[in-house]
Amino acid sequence: MAVEFPAVMGHPNRVPFEGVLTLVDQPSDKAPSGARGHRVVLTREAAETALPSLLGMAVDFKAGWDGHDAKQKCGIVTAAEIDGDEVRVGGYLFARDFSEMMTEMHAHGDEALGMSYELADAHVSDMRAEVWRLSKATFTGAAILLRSKAAYRSTSFRVLRGEHGIAASCSTRTRKVRTPEKLRDRAPAMRPMPATHLSARHGAPAARQSA
């Protein structure tokens, strides 16, 4: 469960990134889109099962950095891992194709940016619960946005400058892999749906959800 790309030094359209996409077993700070006003919890078991579905999914952004826009696919996820209670991802941004986005991103700075998942086929254990627990889901992508606009405000995002991100693999280990010699030019985003069909644009029956 890994995607490896050959190293191409100075590639103008392939800039690596890394970030914390979401947290497991912890309620979101606010309700994701499509969750009918409910905060959500992505269970560890659901995250572990869905982790492989992250690889190859697109990263998008929206003008204003306050949500999702699936038509603005500005990158790709090539690696993911669960580190403690964090779902960490890495990948590449199409920096040359989205040069204005890159300029805005640098203007905001790493401290201001976070991530939000996009899911499909999510199942909610109890639709009547105040906080929805997602027991199953498939990652369909991720978005880069301001932390203050994300369902989880403790997510993060940063462009890697002359560095390497997490290994291009799926893993549930609790140890971070950051040894330079093990990490070549590799790099590694999500929506939820209820027992019926919750989709995740910050998650809803017969719809999409994102967090």
Protein backbone atom coordinates (compact mmCIF):
# COMPACT_ATOMS: atom_id res chain seq x y z
CA MET A 1 0.00 0.00 0.00
CA ALA A 2 2.46 2.60 -1.21
CA VAL A 3 2.92 4.97 -4.10
CA GLU A 4 6.52 5.76 -4.99
CA PHE A 5 7.66 8.31 -7.51
CA PRO A 6 11.19 8.56 -8.93
CA ALA A 7 13.11 11.56 -7.67
CA VAL A 8 13.08 14.56 -10.02
CA MET A 9 15.05 17.36 -8.43
CA GLY A 10 13.54 20.80 -8.90
CA HIS A 11 10.39 19.61 -10.65
CA PRO A 12 8.39 22.86 -11.11
CA ASN A 13 4.97 21.21 -10.94
CA ARG A 14 5.54 18.69 -8.17
CA VAL A 15 6.03 20.31 -4.78
CA PRO A 16 5.75 18.03 -1.72
CA PHE A 17 3.45 18.73 1.19
CA GLU A 18 2.49 17.10 4.47
CA GLY A 19 -0.27 17.64 6.96
CA VAL A 20 -2.59 16.32 9.64
CA LEU A 21 -5.85 15.48 7.89
CA THR A 22 -7.99 14.64 10.91
CA LEU A 23 -8.03 12.99 14.33
CA VAL A 24 -9.34 9.55 15.28
CA ASP A 25 -11.61 8.77 18.25
CA GLN A 26 -12.07 12.47 18.95
CA PRO A 27 -15.15 14.61 18.26
CA SER A 28 -14.81 17.37 15.72
CA ASP A 29 -14.74 20.95 16.99
CA LYS A 30 -17.77 21.75 14.89
CA ALA A 31 -20.22 19.93 12.64
CA PRO A 32 -18.90 19.01 9.20
CA SER A 33 -20.92 20.00 6.16
CA GLY A 34 -23.67 17.46 5.59
CA ALA A 35 -23.70 16.18 9.18
CA ARG A 36 -27.02 17.89 9.96
CA GLY A 37 -25.49 19.97 12.70
CA HIS A 38 -23.89 17.00 14.46
CA ARG A 39 -20.26 16.90 15.43
CA VAL A 40 -18.60 13.66 14.30
CA VAL A 41 -16.06 11.11 15.52
CA LEU A 42 -14.06 9.03 13.07
CA THR A 43 -13.30 5.80 14.91
CA ARG A 44 -9.79 4.40 14.80
CA GLU A 45 -11.06 1.15 13.31
CA ALA A 46 -12.85 3.00 10.52
CA ALA A 47 -9.77 5.14 9.83
CA GLU A 48 -7.45 2.13 9.73
CA THR A 49 -9.74 0.28 7.33
CA ALA A 50 -10.20 3.32 5.09
CA LEU A 51 -6.55 4.44 5.08
CA PRO A 52 -5.64 2.71 1.77
CA SER A 53 -8.46 4.60 0.04
CA LEU A 54 -6.57 7.86 0.63
CA LEU A 55 -3.75 7.00 -1.77
CA GLY A 56 -4.19 8.56 -5.18
CA MET A 57 -7.01 10.84 -4.06
CA ALA A 58 -6.97 14.51 -5.00
CA VAL A 59 -6.35 17.53 -2.80
CA ASP A 60 -8.50 20.56 -3.56
CA PHE A 61 -8.96 24.14 -2.39
CA LYS A 62 -11.62 26.82 -2.62
CA ALA A 63 -11.26 30.53 -3.21
CA GLY A 64 -11.36 32.16 0.20
CA TRP A 65 -9.86 29.05 1.83
CA ASP A 66 -13.07 28.33 3.71
CA GLY A 67 -14.27 25.02 2.27
CA HIS A 68 -14.08 22.43 -0.50
CA ASP A 69 -14.18 22.70 -4.28
CA ALA A 70 -13.80 19.33 -5.97
CA LYS A 71 -13.21 21.03 -9.33
CA GLN A 72 -10.07 22.75 -8.04
CA LYS A 73 -7.89 19.66 -7.73
CA CYS A 74 -4.48 21.09 -6.99
CA GLY A 75 -2.57 18.01 -5.84
CA ILE A 76 -2.51 14.33 -4.99
CA VAL A 77 -2.13 12.22 -1.84
CA THR A 78 0.63 9.63 -2.11
CA ALA A 79 1.16 8.55 1.52
CA ALA A 80 -0.82 8.22 4.72
CA GLU A 81 -0.35 6.91 8.24
CA ILE A 82 -2.04 6.96 11.62
CA ASP A 83 0.38 8.39 14.17
CA GLY A 84 -1.12 8.35 17.65
CA ASP A 85 -4.50 9.99 17.18
CA GLU A 86 -3.50 11.85 14.01
CA VAL A 87 -4.17 10.82 10.43
CA ARG A 88 -1.12 12.21 8.67
CA VAL A 89 -0.88 12.56 4.91
CA GLY A 90 1.66 13.69 2.37
CA GLY A 91 1.74 14.18 -1.35
CA TYR A 92 2.40 16.68 -4.11
CA LEU A 93 0.90 19.99 -5.18
CA PHE A 94 0.73 21.00 -8.84
CA ALA A 95 2.61 24.19 -8.06
CA ARG A 96 3.10 25.45 -11.61
CA ASP A 97 -0.51 24.82 -12.64
CA PHE A 98 -1.74 26.64 -9.51
CA SER A 99 0.88 29.35 -9.12
CA GLU A 100 -1.60 31.92 -7.73
CA MET A 101 -2.76 29.41 -5.14
CA MET A 102 0.84 28.83 -4.08
CA THR A 103 1.38 32.58 -3.67
CA GLU A 104 -1.73 32.88 -1.48
CA MET A 105 -0.70 29.80 0.49
CA HIS A 106 2.69 31.28 1.31
CA ALA A 107 1.02 34.57 2.26
CA HIS A 108 -1.21 32.80 4.79
CA GLY A 109 1.71 30.85 6.25
CA ASP A 110 1.90 27.33 7.66
CA GLU A 111 0.33 28.27 11.00
CA ALA A 112 -2.93 29.37 9.40
CA LEU A 113 -3.61 26.39 7.15
CA GLY A 114 -5.22 23.07 7.97
CA MET A 115 -6.97 20.22 6.16
CA SER A 116 -10.39 18.68 5.84
CA TYR A 117 -11.32 15.18 4.70
CA GLU A 118 -13.86 14.13 2.10
CA LEU A 119 -15.73 10.84 2.54
CA ALA A 120 -18.31 8.66 0.85
CA ASP A 121 -20.25 5.59 2.01
CA ALA A 122 -19.83 6.60 5.64
CA HIS A 123 -21.95 4.82 8.25
CA VAL A 124 -23.15 6.40 11.47
CA SER A 125 -23.59 4.01 14.41
CA ASP A 126 -26.53 5.92 15.92
CA MET A 127 -28.24 8.66 13.90
CA ARG A 128 -30.03 9.86 17.07
CA ALA A 129 -26.80 10.47 18.98
CA GLU A 130 -25.67 14.04 19.65
CA VAL A 131 -22.23 13.20 18.26
CA TRP A 132 -22.20 10.92 15.23
CA ARG A 133 -19.68 8.06 15.35
CA LEU A 134 -18.47 7.03 11.90
CA SER A 135 -17.88 3.29 11.96
CA LYS A 136 -17.12 2.94 8.26
CA ALA A 137 -16.16 5.26 5.42
CA THR A 138 -14.16 5.63 2.20
CA PHE A 139 -11.83 8.57 1.70
CA THR A 140 -12.51 10.35 -1.58
CA GLY A 141 -10.19 13.33 -1.21
CA ALA A 142 -9.14 16.23 0.99
CA ALA A 143 -9.12 20.00 1.04
CA ILE A 144 -6.64 22.62 2.13
CA LEU A 145 -8.30 25.44 4.06
CA LEU A 146 -7.88 27.77 6.99
CA ARG A 147 -7.71 25.92 10.31
CA SER A 148 -10.42 28.18 11.68
CA LYS A 149 -12.80 26.92 8.96
CA ALA A 150 -12.05 23.21 9.39
CA ALA A 151 -14.20 20.84 11.45
CA TYR A 152 -11.00 19.92 13.33
CA ARG A 153 -9.04 23.04 14.22
CA SER A 154 -5.96 21.03 15.19
CA THR A 155 -5.30 19.87 11.63
CA SER A 156 -2.27 21.27 9.82
CA PHE A 157 -0.78 21.73 6.37
CA ARG A 158 2.60 22.81 5.13
CA VAL A 159 4.58 22.86 1.91
CA LEU A 160 7.91 21.10 2.25
CA ARG A 161 10.82 23.23 1.17
CA GLY A 162 13.91 21.15 0.53
CA GLU A 163 12.59 18.46 2.88
CA HIS A 164 11.01 15.03 2.68
CA GLY A 165 7.57 14.11 3.96
CA ILE A 166 6.25 10.93 5.52
CA ALA A 167 6.90 7.68 3.70
CA ALA A 168 4.63 6.95 0.77
CA SER A 169 2.82 4.16 2.49
CA CYS A 170 -0.21 3.28 4.56
CA SER A 171 0.54 2.35 8.13
CA THR A 172 -0.98 2.38 11.59
CA ARG A 173 2.26 2.51 13.52
CA THR A 174 2.61 4.97 16.37
CA ARG A 175 6.13 5.98 15.41
CA LYS A 176 6.85 8.76 12.94
CA VAL A 177 9.08 7.88 10.00
CA ARG A 178 11.29 10.81 9.18
CA THR A 179 14.75 9.35 8.61
CA PRO A 180 16.01 11.18 5.49
CA GLU A 181 17.74 8.15 3.96
CA LYS A 182 14.48 6.22 4.12
CA LEU A 183 12.41 8.98 2.59
CA ARG A 184 13.27 9.73 -0.98
CA ASP A 185 11.23 12.04 -3.20
CA ARG A 186 8.03 10.57 -1.88
CA ALA A 187 5.11 12.11 -0.24
CA PRO A 188 1.88 11.23 0.77
CA ALA A 189 -6.45 14.31 2.33
CA MET A 190 -11.58 13.06 3.10
CA ARG A 191 -15.99 13.32 3.07
CA PRO A 192 -18.67 11.16 5.67
CA MET A 193 -22.29 9.39 5.06
CA PRO A 194 -24.73 7.88 7.80
CA ALA A 195 -26.05 4.36 8.16
CA THR A 196 -28.10 5.23 5.17
CA HIS A 197 -25.61 7.26 3.20
CA LEU A 198 -23.59 9.98 4.80
CA SER A 199 -21.20 11.82 2.56
CA ALA A 200 -18.51 14.01 3.98
CA ARG A 201 -18.11 17.60 3.07
CA HIS A 202 -17.52 18.66 6.72
CA GLY A 203 -20.85 14.34 6.22
CA ALA A 204 -25.22 13.34 5.09
CA PRO A 205 -27.62 10.71 4.03
CA ALA A 206 -27.43 10.20 0.31
CA ALA A 207 -24.98 13.06 0.05
CA ARG A 208 -21.30 13.87 0.55
CA GLN A 209 -19.51 14.85 3.70
CA SER A 210 -16.36 16.78 4.40
CA ALA A 211 -14.68 17.56 7.67
